[in-house]
PDB file of N, CA and C in Angstrom:
ATOM      1  N   MET A   1     -12.895  -9.239 -15.567  1.00  0.00           N
ATOM      2  CA  MET A   1     -14.308  -9.177 -14.558  1.00  0.00           C
ATOM      3  C   MET A   1     -14.215  -7.589 -14.199  1.00  0.00           C
ATOM      4  N   ASN A   2     -14.858  -6.793 -14.113  1.00  0.00           N
ATOM      5  CA  ASN A   2     -14.589  -5.211 -13.302  1.00  0.00           C
ATOM      6  C   ASN A   2     -16.675  -5.077 -12.775  1.00  0.00           C
ATOM      7  N   PRO A   3     -16.257  -5.796 -11.468  1.00  0.00           N
ATOM      8  CA  PRO A   3     -17.746  -5.130 -10.652  1.00  0.00           C
ATOM      9  C   PRO A   3     -17.743  -3.723 -10.653  1.00  0.00           C
ATOM     10  N   SER A   4     -18.548  -2.963 -10.313  1.00  0.00           N
ATOM     11  CA  SER A   4     -18.603  -1.311  -9.933  1.00  0.00           C
ATOM     12  C   SER A   4     -18.045  -1.198  -8.461  1.00  0.00           C
ATOM     13  N   ASN A   5     -17.889  -0.100  -8.309  1.00  0.00           N
ATOM     14  CA  ASN A   5     -16.913   0.515  -7.898  1.00  0.00           C
ATOM     15  C   ASN A   5     -17.719   0.360  -6.189  1.00  0.00           C
ATOM     16  N   THR A   6     -18.944   0.174  -6.251  1.00  0.00           N
ATOM     17  CA  THR A   6     -19.981   0.427  -5.439  1.00  0.00           C
ATOM     18  C   THR A   6     -20.110  -0.837  -4.984  1.00  0.00           C
ATOM     19  N   HIS A   7     -20.542  -2.082  -5.845  1.00  0.00           N
ATOM     20  CA  HIS A   7     -19.472  -3.670  -5.026  1.00  0.00           C
ATOM     21  C   HIS A   7     -18.782  -3.606  -4.677  1.00  0.00           C
ATOM     22  N   ASN A   8     -17.915  -2.839  -4.699  1.00  0.00           N
ATOM     23  CA  ASN A   8     -16.068  -3.820  -4.699  1.00  0.00           C
ATOM     24  C   ASN A   8     -16.215  -2.924  -3.087  1.00  0.00           C
ATOM     25  N   GLN A   9     -17.188  -1.827  -3.045  1.00  0.00           N
ATOM     26  CA  GLN A   9     -17.096  -0.766  -1.420  1.00  0.00           C
ATOM     27  C   GLN A   9     -17.706  -1.810  -0.553  1.00  0.00           C
ATOM     28  N   ARG A  10     -19.291  -2.251  -1.047  1.00  0.00           N
ATOM     29  CA  ARG A  10     -19.719  -2.691  -0.228  1.00  0.00           C
ATOM     30  C   ARG A  10     -19.368  -4.034   0.426  1.00  0.00           C
ATOM     31  N   ILE A  11     -18.297  -4.749  -0.575  1.00  0.00           N
ATOM     32  CA  ILE A  11     -17.810  -6.216  -0.241  1.00  0.00           C
ATOM     33  C   ILE A  11     -17.160  -5.773   1.282  1.00  0.00           C
ATOM     34  N   ALA A  12     -16.167  -4.427   0.729  1.00  0.00           N
ATOM     35  CA  ALA A  12     -14.755  -4.160   1.390  1.00  0.00           C
ATOM     36  C   ALA A  12     -15.885  -4.416   3.150  1.00  0.00           C
ATOM     37  N   LYS A  13     -16.766  -3.479   2.877  1.00  0.00           N
ATOM     38  CA  LYS A  13     -17.445  -3.064   4.351  1.00  0.00           C
ATOM     39  C   LYS A  13     -17.969  -4.154   5.243  1.00  0.00           C
ATOM     40  N   MET A  14     -18.445  -5.202   4.931  1.00  0.00           N
ATOM     41  CA  MET A  14     -19.263  -6.172   5.166  1.00  0.00           C
ATOM     42  C   MET A  14     -18.427  -6.809   6.273  1.00  0.00           C
ATOM     43  N   THR A  15     -19.053  -6.960   6.899  1.00  0.00           N
ATOM     44  CA  THR A  15     -17.608  -7.526   8.130  1.00  0.00           C
ATOM     45  C   THR A  15     -17.869  -9.436   8.052  1.00  0.00           C
ATOM     46  N   PHE A  16     -16.424  -9.963   8.505  1.00  0.00           N
ATOM     47  CA  PHE A  16     -16.478 -11.207   8.456  1.00  0.00           C
ATOM     48  C   PHE A  16     -17.272 -11.935   9.207  1.00  0.00           C
ATOM     49  N   ALA A  17     -18.065 -11.150  10.811  1.00  0.00           N
ATOM     50  CA  ALA A  17     -18.318 -11.923  11.745  1.00  0.00           C
ATOM     51  C   ALA A  17     -19.993 -12.489  10.862  1.00  0.00           C
ATOM     52  N   SER A  18     -20.421 -11.217  10.158  1.00  0.00           N
ATOM     53  CA  SER A  18     -21.966 -11.549   9.011  1.00  0.00           C
ATOM     54  C   SER A  18     -21.844 -12.638   8.338  1.00  0.00           C
ATOM     55  N   VAL A  19     -20.968 -13.079   7.749  1.00  0.00           N
ATOM     56  CA  VAL A  19     -20.930 -14.078   6.947  1.00  0.00           C
ATOM     57  C   VAL A  19     -20.349 -15.757   7.155  1.00  0.00           C
ATOM     58  N   TYR A  20     -19.642 -15.114   8.048  1.00  0.00           N
ATOM     59  CA  TYR A  20     -19.339 -16.323   8.952  1.00  0.00           C
ATOM     60  C   TYR A  20     -20.267 -17.600   8.944  1.00  0.00           C
ATOM     61  N   PRO A  21     -21.113 -16.765   9.393  1.00  0.00           N
ATOM     62  CA  PRO A  21     -22.272 -18.095  10.414  1.00  0.00           C
ATOM     63  C   PRO A  21     -22.783 -18.672   8.971  1.00  0.00           C
ATOM     64  N   MET A  22     -22.822 -18.210   7.850  1.00  0.00           N
ATOM     65  CA  MET A  22     -23.048 -18.475   6.410  1.00  0.00           C
ATOM     66  C   MET A  22     -22.514 -19.652   6.111  1.00  0.00           C
ATOM     67  N   TYR A  23     -21.245 -19.325   5.764  1.00  0.00           N
ATOM     68  CA  TYR A  23     -20.386 -20.575   5.671  1.00  0.00           C
ATOM     69  C   TYR A  23     -20.149 -21.627   6.762  1.00  0.00           C
ATOM     70  N   LEU A  24     -19.937 -21.630   7.948  1.00  0.00           N
ATOM     71  CA  LEU A  24     -20.256 -22.497   8.335  1.00  0.00           C
ATOM     72  C   LEU A  24     -21.346 -23.715   8.215  1.00  0.00           C
ATOM     73  N   VAL A  25     -23.179 -23.054   8.040  1.00  0.00           N
ATOM     74  CA  VAL A  25     -24.384 -23.749   7.906  1.00  0.00           C
ATOM     75  C   VAL A  25     -24.488 -23.906   6.564  1.00  0.00           C
ATOM     76  N   LYS A  26     -23.520 -23.576   5.566  1.00  0.00           N
ATOM     77  CA  LYS A  26     -23.282 -24.200   4.716  1.00  0.00           C
ATOM     78  C   LYS A  26     -22.684 -25.668   4.155  1.00  0.00           C
ATOM     79  N   VAL A  27     -21.266 -25.424   5.142  1.00  0.00           N
ATOM     80  CA  VAL A  27     -20.270 -26.442   4.650  1.00  0.00           C
ATOM     81  C   VAL A  27     -21.441 -27.793   5.833  1.00  0.00           C
ATOM     82  N   GLU A  28     -21.312 -27.511   7.183  1.00  0.00           N
ATOM     83  CA  GLU A  28     -22.286 -28.591   7.761  1.00  0.00           C
ATOM     84  C   GLU A  28     -23.277 -29.371   7.623  1.00  0.00           C
ATOM     85  N   LYS A  29     -24.430 -28.451   6.908  1.00  0.00           N
ATOM     86  CA  LYS A  29     -24.974 -28.729   5.829  1.00  0.00           C
ATOM     87  C   LYS A  29     -24.910 -30.076   5.010  1.00  0.00           C
ATOM     88  N   LYS A  30     -23.571 -29.750   4.607  1.00  0.00           N
ATOM     89  CA  LYS A  30     -23.316 -30.973   3.516  1.00  0.00           C
ATOM     90  C   LYS A  30     -22.268 -32.230   4.076  1.00  0.00           C
ATOM     91  N   GLY A  31     -22.321 -31.723   5.658  1.00  0.00           N
ATOM     92  CA  GLY A  31     -21.801 -32.967   6.335  1.00  0.00           C
ATOM     93  C   GLY A  31     -19.892 -32.722   6.779  1.00  0.00           C
ATOM     94  N   ARG A  32     -19.577 -31.291   6.488  1.00  0.00           N
ATOM     95  CA  ARG A  32     -18.038 -31.140   6.691  1.00  0.00           C
ATOM     96  C   ARG A  32     -18.437 -30.115   7.945  1.00  0.00           C
ATOM     97  N   THR A  33     -16.825 -30.267   8.464  1.00  0.00           N
ATOM     98  CA  THR A  33     -17.095 -30.172  10.030  1.00  0.00           C
ATOM     99  C   THR A  33     -16.852 -27.738  10.306  1.00  0.00           C
ATOM    100  N   LYS A  34     -16.675 -27.937  11.006  1.00  0.00           N
ATOM    101  CA  LYS A  34     -15.821 -26.589  11.661  1.00  0.00           C
ATOM    102  C   LYS A  34     -14.323 -26.464  11.088  1.00  0.00           C
ATOM    103  N   GLU A  35     -13.967 -27.408  11.327  1.00  0.00           N
ATOM    104  CA  GLU A  35     -12.409 -27.283  11.803  1.00  0.00           C
ATOM    105  C   GLU A  35     -12.272 -27.761  10.594  1.00  0.00           C
ATOM    106  N   GLU A  36     -12.462 -28.354   9.382  1.00  0.00           N
ATOM    107  CA  GLU A  36     -12.559 -27.991   8.111  1.00  0.00           C
ATOM    108  C   GLU A  36     -12.401 -26.367   7.220  1.00  0.00           C
ATOM    109  N   LEU A  37     -13.690 -26.163   7.891  1.00  0.00           N
ATOM    110  CA  LEU A  37     -13.782 -24.695   7.650  1.00  0.00           C
ATOM    111  C   LEU A  37     -12.617 -23.984   7.860  1.00  0.00           C
ATOM    112  N   HIS A  38     -12.364 -24.062   9.391  1.00  0.00           N
ATOM    113  CA  HIS A  38     -11.255 -23.646   9.899  1.00  0.00           C
ATOM    114  C   HIS A  38      -9.814 -23.344   8.795  1.00  0.00           C
ATOM    115  N   GLU A  39      -9.952 -24.729   8.754  1.00  0.00           N
ATOM    116  CA  GLU A  39      -8.438 -25.445   8.146  1.00  0.00           C
ATOM    117  C   GLU A  39      -8.380 -24.171   6.450  1.00  0.00           C
ATOM    118  N   VAL A  40      -9.607 -24.190   5.701  1.00  0.00           N
ATOM    119  CA  VAL A  40      -9.681 -23.512   4.086  1.00  0.00           C
ATOM    120  C   VAL A  40      -8.993 -21.997   4.771  1.00  0.00           C
ATOM    121  N   ILE A  41      -9.651 -21.186   5.942  1.00  0.00           N
ATOM    122  CA  ILE A  41      -9.506 -20.200   6.235  1.00  0.00           C
ATOM    123  C   ILE A  41      -8.022 -19.964   6.478  1.00  0.00           C
ATOM    124  N   ALA A  42      -7.465 -20.747   7.479  1.00  0.00           N
ATOM    125  CA  ALA A  42      -6.272 -20.423   7.713  1.00  0.00           C
ATOM    126  C   ALA A  42      -4.986 -20.911   6.709  1.00  0.00           C
ATOM    127  N   TRP A  43      -5.603 -21.818   5.296  1.00  0.00           N
ATOM    128  CA  TRP A  43      -4.834 -22.105   4.557  1.00  0.00           C
ATOM    129  C   TRP A  43      -4.760 -20.876   3.637  1.00  0.00           C
ATOM    130  N   LEU A  44      -5.951 -20.078   3.491  1.00  0.00           N
ATOM    131  CA  LEU A  44      -5.904 -18.929   2.259  1.00  0.00           C
ATOM    132  C   LEU A  44      -5.194 -17.539   3.471  1.00  0.00           C
ATOM    133  N   THR A  45      -5.381 -17.505   4.545  1.00  0.00           N
ATOM    134  CA  THR A  45      -5.641 -16.416   5.419  1.00  0.00           C
ATOM    135  C   THR A  45      -3.932 -15.856   6.329  1.00  0.00           C
ATOM    136  N   GLY A  46      -3.764 -17.211   6.707  1.00  0.00           N
ATOM    137  CA  GLY A  46      -2.941 -17.319   7.732  1.00  0.00           C
ATOM    138  C   GLY A  46      -3.305 -17.538   9.148  1.00  0.00           C
ATOM    139  N   TYR A  47      -4.714 -16.943   9.659  1.00  0.00           N
ATOM    140  CA  TYR A  47      -5.304 -17.440  10.584  1.00  0.00           C
ATOM    141  C   TYR A  47      -5.947 -18.119  11.258  1.00  0.00           C
ATOM    142  N   ASP A  48      -5.396 -18.231  12.640  1.00  0.00           N
ATOM    143  CA  ASP A  48      -5.586 -19.643  13.120  1.00  0.00           C
ATOM    144  C   ASP A  48      -6.995 -19.496  13.931  1.00  0.00           C
ATOM    145  N   ASN A  49      -7.267 -20.460  14.482  1.00  0.00           N
ATOM    146  CA  ASN A  49      -8.719 -21.128  15.507  1.00  0.00           C
ATOM    147  C   ASN A  49      -8.497 -19.485  16.495  1.00  0.00           C
ATOM    148  N   LYS A  50      -8.384 -18.996  16.913  1.00  0.00           N
ATOM    149  CA  LYS A  50      -8.011 -18.079  18.127  1.00  0.00           C
ATOM    150  C   LYS A  50      -8.129 -17.085  17.292  1.00  0.00           C
ATOM    151  N   ASN A  51      -7.477 -16.454  15.640  1.00  0.00           N
ATOM    152  CA  ASN A  51      -7.796 -15.040  15.243  1.00  0.00           C
ATOM    153  C   ASN A  51      -9.091 -15.426  14.810  1.00  0.00           C
ATOM    154  N   ILE A  52      -9.256 -16.612  14.282  1.00  0.00           N
ATOM    155  CA  ILE A  52     -10.823 -16.113  13.673  1.00  0.00           C
ATOM    156  C   ILE A  52     -11.676 -16.228  14.393  1.00  0.00           C
ATOM    157  N   GLN A  53     -11.717 -16.317  15.646  1.00  0.00           N
ATOM    158  CA  GLN A  53     -12.560 -16.289  17.020  1.00  0.00           C
ATOM    159  C   GLN A  53     -12.578 -14.506  17.105  1.00  0.00           C
ATOM    160  N   GLU A  54     -11.443 -13.774  17.396  1.00  0.00           N
ATOM    161  CA  GLU A  54     -11.079 -12.896  17.639  1.00  0.00           C
ATOM    162  C   GLU A  54     -11.735 -11.810  16.522  1.00  0.00           C
ATOM    163  N   LEU A  55     -11.664 -11.979  15.658  1.00  0.00           N
ATOM    164  CA  LEU A  55     -11.697 -11.014  13.892  1.00  0.00           C
ATOM    165  C   LEU A  55     -13.106 -11.298  13.741  1.00  0.00           C
ATOM    166  N   ILE A  56     -14.291 -12.502  14.792  1.00  0.00           N
ATOM    167  CA  ILE A  56     -15.374 -12.343  14.740  1.00  0.00           C
ATOM    168  C   ILE A  56     -15.951 -11.467  15.799  1.00  0.00           C
ATOM    169  N   GLU A  57     -15.575 -11.676  16.864  1.00  0.00           N
ATOM    170  CA  GLU A  57     -15.631 -10.841  18.219  1.00  0.00           C
ATOM    171  C   GLU A  57     -15.598  -9.299  17.634  1.00  0.00           C
ATOM    172  N   GLU A  58     -14.263  -9.140  17.106  1.00  0.00           N
ATOM    173  CA  GLU A  58     -14.294  -7.639  16.870  1.00  0.00           C
ATOM    174  C   GLU A  58     -15.051  -7.181  15.351  1.00  0.00           C
ATOM    175  N   LYS A  59     -15.930  -7.748  14.826  1.00  0.00           N
ATOM    176  CA  LYS A  59     -16.830  -7.473  13.579  1.00  0.00           C
ATOM    177  C   LYS A  59     -15.474  -6.629  12.999  1.00  0.00           C
ATOM    178  N   VAL A  60     -14.797  -7.268  12.533  1.00  0.00           N
ATOM    179  CA  VAL A  60     -13.755  -6.471  11.303  1.00  0.00           C
ATOM    180  C   VAL A  60     -15.103  -6.773  10.200  1.00  0.00           C
ATOM    181  N   THR A  61     -14.338  -5.702   8.922  1.00  0.00           N
ATOM    182  CA  THR A  61     -14.666  -5.402   7.769  1.00  0.00           C
ATOM    183  C   THR A  61     -13.597  -6.616   7.024  1.00  0.00           C
ATOM    184  N   PHE A  62     -14.383  -7.381   5.890  1.00  0.00           N
ATOM    185  CA  PHE A  62     -13.311  -7.993   5.280  1.00  0.00           C
ATOM    186  C   PHE A  62     -12.305  -6.909   4.856  1.00  0.00           C
ATOM    187  N   GLU A  63     -12.100  -5.413   4.522  1.00  0.00           N
ATOM    188  CA  GLU A  63     -11.013  -4.681   3.940  1.00  0.00           C
ATOM    189  C   GLU A  63     -10.090  -5.097   5.552  1.00  0.00           C
ATOM    190  N   THR A  64     -10.438  -4.695   6.837  1.00  0.00           N
ATOM    191  CA  THR A  64      -9.294  -5.263   7.380  1.00  0.00           C
ATOM    192  C   THR A  64      -8.883  -6.737   8.167  1.00  0.00           C
ATOM    193  N   PHE A  65      -9.980  -7.572   7.813  1.00  0.00           N
ATOM    194  CA  PHE A  65      -9.592  -8.942   7.612  1.00  0.00           C
ATOM    195  C   PHE A  65      -8.689  -9.066   6.817  1.00  0.00           C
ATOM    196  N   PHE A  66      -8.221  -9.018   5.060  1.00  0.00           N
ATOM    197  CA  PHE A  66      -7.790  -9.183   4.536  1.00  0.00           C
ATOM    198  C   PHE A  66      -6.365  -8.498   4.353  1.00  0.00           C
ATOM    199  N   GLN A  67      -6.816  -7.070   5.131  1.00  0.00           N
ATOM    200  CA  GLN A  67      -5.386  -6.338   5.027  1.00  0.00           C
ATOM    201  C   GLN A  67      -4.078  -6.650   5.878  1.00  0.00           C
ATOM    202  N   ASN A  68      -4.522  -6.939   7.218  1.00  0.00           N
ATOM    203  CA  ASN A  68      -3.999  -8.165   8.065  1.00  0.00           C
ATOM    204  C   ASN A  68      -3.659  -9.993   8.255  1.00  0.00           C
ATOM    205  N   ALA A  69      -4.282 -10.345   7.091  1.00  0.00           N
ATOM    206  CA  ALA A  69      -4.151 -11.589   6.429  1.00  0.00           C
ATOM    207  C   ALA A  69      -2.381 -11.894   5.799  1.00  0.00           C
ATOM    208  N   SER A  70      -2.055 -13.075   5.565  1.00  0.00           N
ATOM    209  CA  SER A  70      -0.646 -13.428   5.150  1.00  0.00           C
ATOM    210  C   SER A  70      -1.314 -14.023   4.081  1.00  0.00           C
ATOM    211  N   LEU A  71      -1.850 -13.658   2.534  1.00  0.00           N
ATOM    212  CA  LEU A  71      -2.859 -14.329   1.715  1.00  0.00           C
ATOM    213  C   LEU A  71      -1.657 -15.694   1.337  1.00  0.00           C
ATOM    214  N   ASN A  72      -2.154 -16.873   1.406  1.00  0.00           N
ATOM    215  CA  ASN A  72      -1.570 -18.023   0.640  1.00  0.00           C
ATOM    216  C   ASN A  72      -0.676 -17.663  -0.910  1.00  0.00           C
ATOM    217  N   PRO A  73       1.030 -18.086  -0.796  1.00  0.00           N
ATOM    218  CA  PRO A  73       1.185 -17.432  -2.405  1.00  0.00           C
ATOM    219  C   PRO A  73       0.729 -18.376  -3.464  1.00  0.00           C
ATOM    220  N   ASN A  74      -0.109 -19.581  -3.049  1.00  0.00           N
ATOM    221  CA  ASN A  74      -0.839 -19.818  -4.047  1.00  0.00           C
ATOM    222  C   ASN A  74      -2.406 -19.946  -4.595  1.00  0.00           C
ATOM    223  N   ALA A  75      -3.003 -18.789  -3.721  1.00  0.00           N
ATOM    224  CA  ALA A  75      -4.158 -18.400  -3.893  1.00  0.00           C
ATOM    225  C   ALA A  75      -4.411 -18.186  -5.117  1.00  0.00           C
ATOM    226  N   ASN A  76      -3.684 -17.719  -6.185  1.00  0.00           N
ATOM    227  CA  ASN A  76      -3.851 -17.586  -7.558  1.00  0.00           C
ATOM    228  C   ASN A  76      -3.714 -18.542  -8.276  1.00  0.00           C
ATOM    229  N   LEU A  77      -3.763 -20.171  -7.750  1.00  0.00           N
ATOM    230  CA  LEU A  77      -4.420 -21.234  -8.016  1.00  0.00           C
ATOM    231  C   LEU A  77      -6.101 -21.352  -8.210  1.00  0.00           C
ATOM    232  N   ILE A  78      -6.827 -20.259  -7.547  1.00  0.00           N
ATOM    233  CA  ILE A  78      -7.840 -20.249  -6.957  1.00  0.00           C
ATOM    234  C   ILE A  78      -8.632 -19.969  -8.288  1.00  0.00           C
ATOM    235  N   THR A  79      -9.614 -20.942  -9.332  1.00  0.00           N
ATOM    236  CA  THR A  79      -9.790 -20.037  -9.809  1.00  0.00           C
ATOM    237  C   THR A  79     -11.594 -20.727 -10.621  1.00  0.00           C
ATOM    238  N   GLY A  80     -12.633 -20.809 -11.469  1.00  0.00           N
ATOM    239  CA  GLY A  80     -13.549 -20.915 -11.457  1.00  0.00           C
ATOM    240  C   GLY A  80     -14.878 -19.785 -11.415  1.00  0.00           C
ATOM    241  N   VAL A  81     -16.041 -20.124 -11.155  1.00  0.00           N
ATOM    242  CA  VAL A  81     -16.817 -19.349 -10.998  1.00  0.00           C
ATOM    243  C   VAL A  81     -18.046 -18.820  -9.427  1.00  0.00           C
ATOM    244  N   ILE A  82     -17.783 -18.036  -9.492  1.00  0.00           N
ATOM    245  CA  ILE A  82     -18.584 -17.778  -8.129  1.00  0.00           C
ATOM    246  C   ILE A  82     -19.569 -16.510  -8.092  1.00  0.00           C
ATOM    247  N   CYS A  83     -20.718 -16.300  -7.239  1.00  0.00           N
ATOM    248  CA  CYS A  83     -20.960 -15.619  -7.871  1.00  0.00           C
ATOM    249  C   CYS A  83     -21.469 -14.923  -8.843  1.00  0.00           C
ATOM    250  N   GLY A  84     -21.459 -15.733  -9.763  1.00  0.00           N
ATOM    251  CA  GLY A  84     -21.562 -15.390 -11.720  1.00  0.00           C
ATOM    252  C   GLY A  84     -20.250 -14.563 -12.031  1.00  0.00           C
ATOM    253  N   TYR A  85     -18.843 -14.372 -10.829  1.00  0.00           N
ATOM    254  CA  TYR A  85     -18.130 -14.152 -11.670  1.00  0.00           C
ATOM    255  C   TYR A  85     -17.253 -15.303 -11.450  1.00  0.00           C
ATOM    256  N   ARG A  86     -15.756 -14.852 -12.547  1.00  0.00           N
ATOM    257  CA  ARG A  86     -14.726 -15.757 -12.480  1.00  0.00           C
ATOM    258  C   ARG A  86     -13.511 -14.842 -11.454  1.00  0.00           C
ATOM    259  N   VAL A  87     -13.438 -15.983 -10.687  1.00  0.00           N
ATOM    260  CA  VAL A  87     -12.225 -15.220  -9.663  1.00  0.00           C
ATOM    261  C   VAL A  87     -11.356 -14.793 -10.055  1.00  0.00           C
ATOM    262  N   GLU A  88     -10.715 -15.405 -11.094  1.00  0.00           N
ATOM    263  CA  GLU A  88      -9.268 -15.236 -11.517  1.00  0.00           C
ATOM    264  C   GLU A  88      -9.780 -13.916 -12.863  1.00  0.00           C
ATOM    265  N   GLU A  89     -10.700 -13.477 -12.848  1.00  0.00           N
ATOM    266  CA  GLU A  89     -10.816 -12.202 -13.722  1.00  0.00           C
ATOM    267  C   GLU A  89     -11.105 -10.731 -12.792  1.00  0.00           C
ATOM    268  N   ILE A  90     -11.199 -11.109 -11.523  1.00  0.00           N
ATOM    269  CA  ILE A  90     -12.055 -10.201 -10.697  1.00  0.00           C
ATOM    270  C   ILE A  90     -10.682  -9.115 -10.516  1.00  0.00           C
ATOM    271  N   GLU A  91     -10.578  -8.141 -11.245  1.00  0.00           N
ATOM    272  CA  GLU A  91     -10.045  -6.790 -10.970  1.00  0.00           C
ATOM    273  C   GLU A  91      -9.521  -6.257  -9.311  1.00  0.00           C
ATOM    274  N   ASP A  92     -10.759  -6.053  -8.796  1.00  0.00           N
ATOM    275  CA  ASP A  92     -10.292  -5.578  -7.161  1.00  0.00           C
ATOM    276  C   ASP A  92      -9.729  -6.565  -6.614  1.00  0.00           C
ATOM    277  N   PRO A  93      -8.551  -6.147  -6.277  1.00  0.00           N
ATOM    278  CA  PRO A  93      -7.516  -7.008  -5.382  1.00  0.00           C
ATOM    279  C   PRO A  93      -8.410  -7.437  -4.036  1.00  0.00           C
ATOM    280  N   LEU A  94      -9.330  -6.823  -3.365  1.00  0.00           N
ATOM    281  CA  LEU A  94      -9.820  -7.531  -2.314  1.00  0.00           C
ATOM    282  C   LEU A  94     -11.253  -8.196  -1.962  1.00  0.00           C
ATOM    283  N   THR A  95     -11.831  -7.424  -3.288  1.00  0.00           N
ATOM    284  CA  THR A  95     -13.214  -8.475  -3.618  1.00  0.00           C
ATOM    285  C   THR A  95     -12.807  -9.971  -4.183  1.00  0.00           C
ATOM    286  N   GLN A  96     -11.489  -9.484  -5.310  1.00  0.00           N
ATOM    287  CA  GLN A  96     -11.181 -10.953  -5.512  1.00  0.00           C
ATOM    288  C   GLN A  96     -10.365 -12.090  -4.235  1.00  0.00           C
ATOM    289  N   GLN A  97      -9.874 -11.094  -3.306  1.00  0.00           N
ATOM    290  CA  GLN A  97      -9.665 -12.498  -2.226  1.00  0.00           C
ATOM    291  C   GLN A  97     -10.914 -12.693  -1.062  1.00  0.00           C
ATOM    292  N   VAL A  98     -12.065 -11.856  -1.147  1.00  0.00           N
ATOM    293  CA  VAL A  98     -13.169 -12.469  -0.606  1.00  0.00           C
ATOM    294  C   VAL A  98     -13.738 -13.593  -1.621  1.00  0.00           C
ATOM    295  N   ARG A  99     -13.560 -13.244  -3.175  1.00  0.00           N
ATOM    296  CA  ARG A  99     -14.361 -14.399  -3.759  1.00  0.00           C
ATOM    297  C   ARG A  99     -13.461 -15.340  -3.354  1.00  0.00           C
ATOM    298  N   TYR A 100     -11.982 -14.955  -3.468  1.00  0.00           N
ATOM    299  CA  TYR A 100     -10.836 -16.827  -3.138  1.00  0.00           C
ATOM    300  C   TYR A 100     -11.939 -17.581  -2.041  1.00  0.00           C
ATOM    301  N   LEU A 101     -12.159 -16.681  -0.908  1.00  0.00           N
ATOM    302  CA  LEU A 101     -12.937 -17.741   0.363  1.00  0.00           C
ATOM    303  C   LEU A 101     -14.120 -18.188   0.203  1.00  0.00           C
ATOM    304  N   ASP A 102     -15.242 -17.193  -0.487  1.00  0.00           N
ATOM    305  CA  ASP A 102     -15.994 -17.777  -0.754  1.00  0.00           C
ATOM    306  C   ASP A 102     -15.614 -19.120  -2.256  1.00  0.00           C
ATOM    307  N   LYS A 103     -14.864 -19.055  -2.530  1.00  0.00           N
ATOM    308  CA  LYS A 103     -15.184 -20.230  -3.882  1.00  0.00           C
ATOM    309  C   LYS A 103     -14.318 -20.984  -2.795  1.00  0.00           C
ATOM    310  N   LEU A 104     -13.594 -21.312  -2.006  1.00  0.00           N
ATOM    311  CA  LEU A 104     -13.030 -22.083  -1.052  1.00  0.00           C
ATOM    312  C   LEU A 104     -14.060 -22.993  -0.243  1.00  0.00           C
ATOM    313  N   VAL A 105     -14.625 -22.376   0.191  1.00  0.00           N
ATOM    314  CA  VAL A 105     -16.152 -22.439   1.063  1.00  0.00           C
ATOM    315  C   VAL A 105     -16.978 -23.386   0.350  1.00  0.00           C
ATOM    316  N   ASP A 106     -17.658 -22.889  -1.317  1.00  0.00           N
ATOM    317  CA  ASP A 106     -18.024 -23.452  -1.761  1.00  0.00           C
ATOM    318  C   ASP A 106     -17.687 -25.238  -2.035  1.00  0.00           C
ATOM    319  N   GLU A 107     -16.123 -25.212  -2.611  1.00  0.00           N
ATOM    320  CA  GLU A 107     -15.853 -26.087  -2.674  1.00  0.00           C
ATOM    321  C   GLU A 107     -15.390 -27.388  -1.955  1.00  0.00           C
ATOM    322  N   LEU A 108     -15.433 -26.805  -0.261  1.00  0.00           N
ATOM    323  CA  LEU A 108     -15.509 -27.313   0.799  1.00  0.00           C
ATOM    324  C   LEU A 108     -17.046 -28.405   0.775  1.00  0.00           C
ATOM    325  N   ALA A 109     -18.296 -26.895   0.727  1.00  0.00           N
ATOM    326  CA  ALA A 109     -19.438 -27.591   0.965  1.00  0.00           C
ATOM    327  C   ALA A 109     -19.915 -28.594  -0.250  1.00  0.00           C
ATOM    328  N   LYS A 110     -18.853 -28.743  -1.119  1.00  0.00           N
ATOM    329  CA  LYS A 110     -19.433 -29.360  -2.543  1.00  0.00           C
ATOM    330  C   LYS A 110     -18.982 -30.993  -2.598  1.00  0.00           C
ATOM    331  N   GLY A 111     -18.284 -31.110  -1.078  1.00  0.00           N
ATOM    332  CA  GLY A 111     -17.209 -32.139  -0.864  1.00  0.00           C
ATOM    333  C   GLY A 111     -16.002 -32.728  -1.487  1.00  0.00           C
ATOM    334  N   ARG A 112     -15.797 -31.553  -2.232  1.00  0.00           N
ATOM    335  CA  ARG A 112     -14.012 -31.596  -3.091  1.00  0.00           C
ATOM    336  C   ARG A 112     -13.038 -32.113  -1.553  1.00  0.00           C
ATOM    337  N   LYS A 113     -12.316 -33.066  -2.267  1.00  0.00           N
ATOM    338  CA  LYS A 113     -11.037 -33.442  -1.291  1.00  0.00           C
ATOM    339  C   LYS A 113     -10.472 -32.297  -0.866  1.00  0.00           C
ATOM    340  N   MET A 114      -9.593 -32.198   0.622  1.00  0.00           N
ATOM    341  CA  MET A 114      -9.377 -31.102   1.181  1.00  0.00           C
ATOM    342  C   MET A 114      -7.941 -30.927   0.282  1.00  0.00           C
ATOM    343  N   GLU A 115      -7.074 -32.045   0.169  1.00  0.00           N
ATOM    344  CA  GLU A 115      -6.122 -31.645  -0.448  1.00  0.00           C
ATOM    345  C   GLU A 115      -5.989 -30.951  -2.337  1.00  0.00           C
ATOM    346  N   LYS A 116      -7.417 -30.959  -2.664  1.00  0.00           N
ATOM    347  CA  LYS A 116      -7.586 -30.254  -3.910  1.00  0.00           C
ATOM    348  C   LYS A 116      -7.634 -28.651  -3.616  1.00  0.00           C
ATOM    349  N   ILE A 117      -8.744 -28.785  -2.558  1.00  0.00           N
ATOM    350  CA  ILE A 117      -8.758 -27.260  -2.009  1.00  0.00           C
ATOM    351  C   ILE A 117      -8.071 -26.539  -1.403  1.00  0.00           C
ATOM    352  N   LEU A 118      -6.875 -26.941  -1.108  1.00  0.00           N
ATOM    353  CA  LEU A 118      -5.398 -26.421  -0.333  1.00  0.00           C
ATOM    354  C   LEU A 118      -4.769 -26.240  -1.748  1.00  0.00           C
ATOM    355  N   ARG A 119      -5.421 -26.818  -2.633  1.00  0.00           N
ATOM    356  CA  ARG A 119      -4.450 -26.447  -4.114  1.00  0.00           C
ATOM    357  C   ARG A 119      -2.807 -27.248  -4.057  1.00  0.00           C
ATOM    358  N   GLY A 120      -2.631 -28.510  -3.242  1.00  0.00           N
ATOM    359  CA  GLY A 120      -1.754 -29.272  -3.159  1.00  0.00           C
ATOM    360  C   GLY A 120      -0.781 -28.947  -2.242  1.00  0.00           C
ATOM    361  N   SER A 121      -1.043 -27.949  -1.184  1.00  0.00           N
ATOM    362  CA  SER A 121      -0.005 -27.685  -0.473  1.00  0.00           C
ATOM    363  C   SER A 121      -0.760 -28.457   1.368  1.00  0.00           C
TER     364      SER A 121
END
């Protein structure tokens, strides 16, 4: 899947701080916790709670967010459809990483067991 370059640029320039509250509302509405959300973010990116808070306060773009992340080596095990795209077929690396995060948040909100979300690690 190859979304347009404009789409990829829009995602790159979005701030993590603008999306994070939506992630939090989505998971809490389904009975999951902020701690679980942070666990998922930490698994994918290597960021701890302090890092996450700093990134929100600094209003970093997703481009910066993922440039400075230590992407989990098992991230490529994240598959499925999110926002109409198969995450494993997205060609732009940054867009794919953002969609990995979206997919993990979606799985958390849907009540999937944490060990399944974290791909057995």
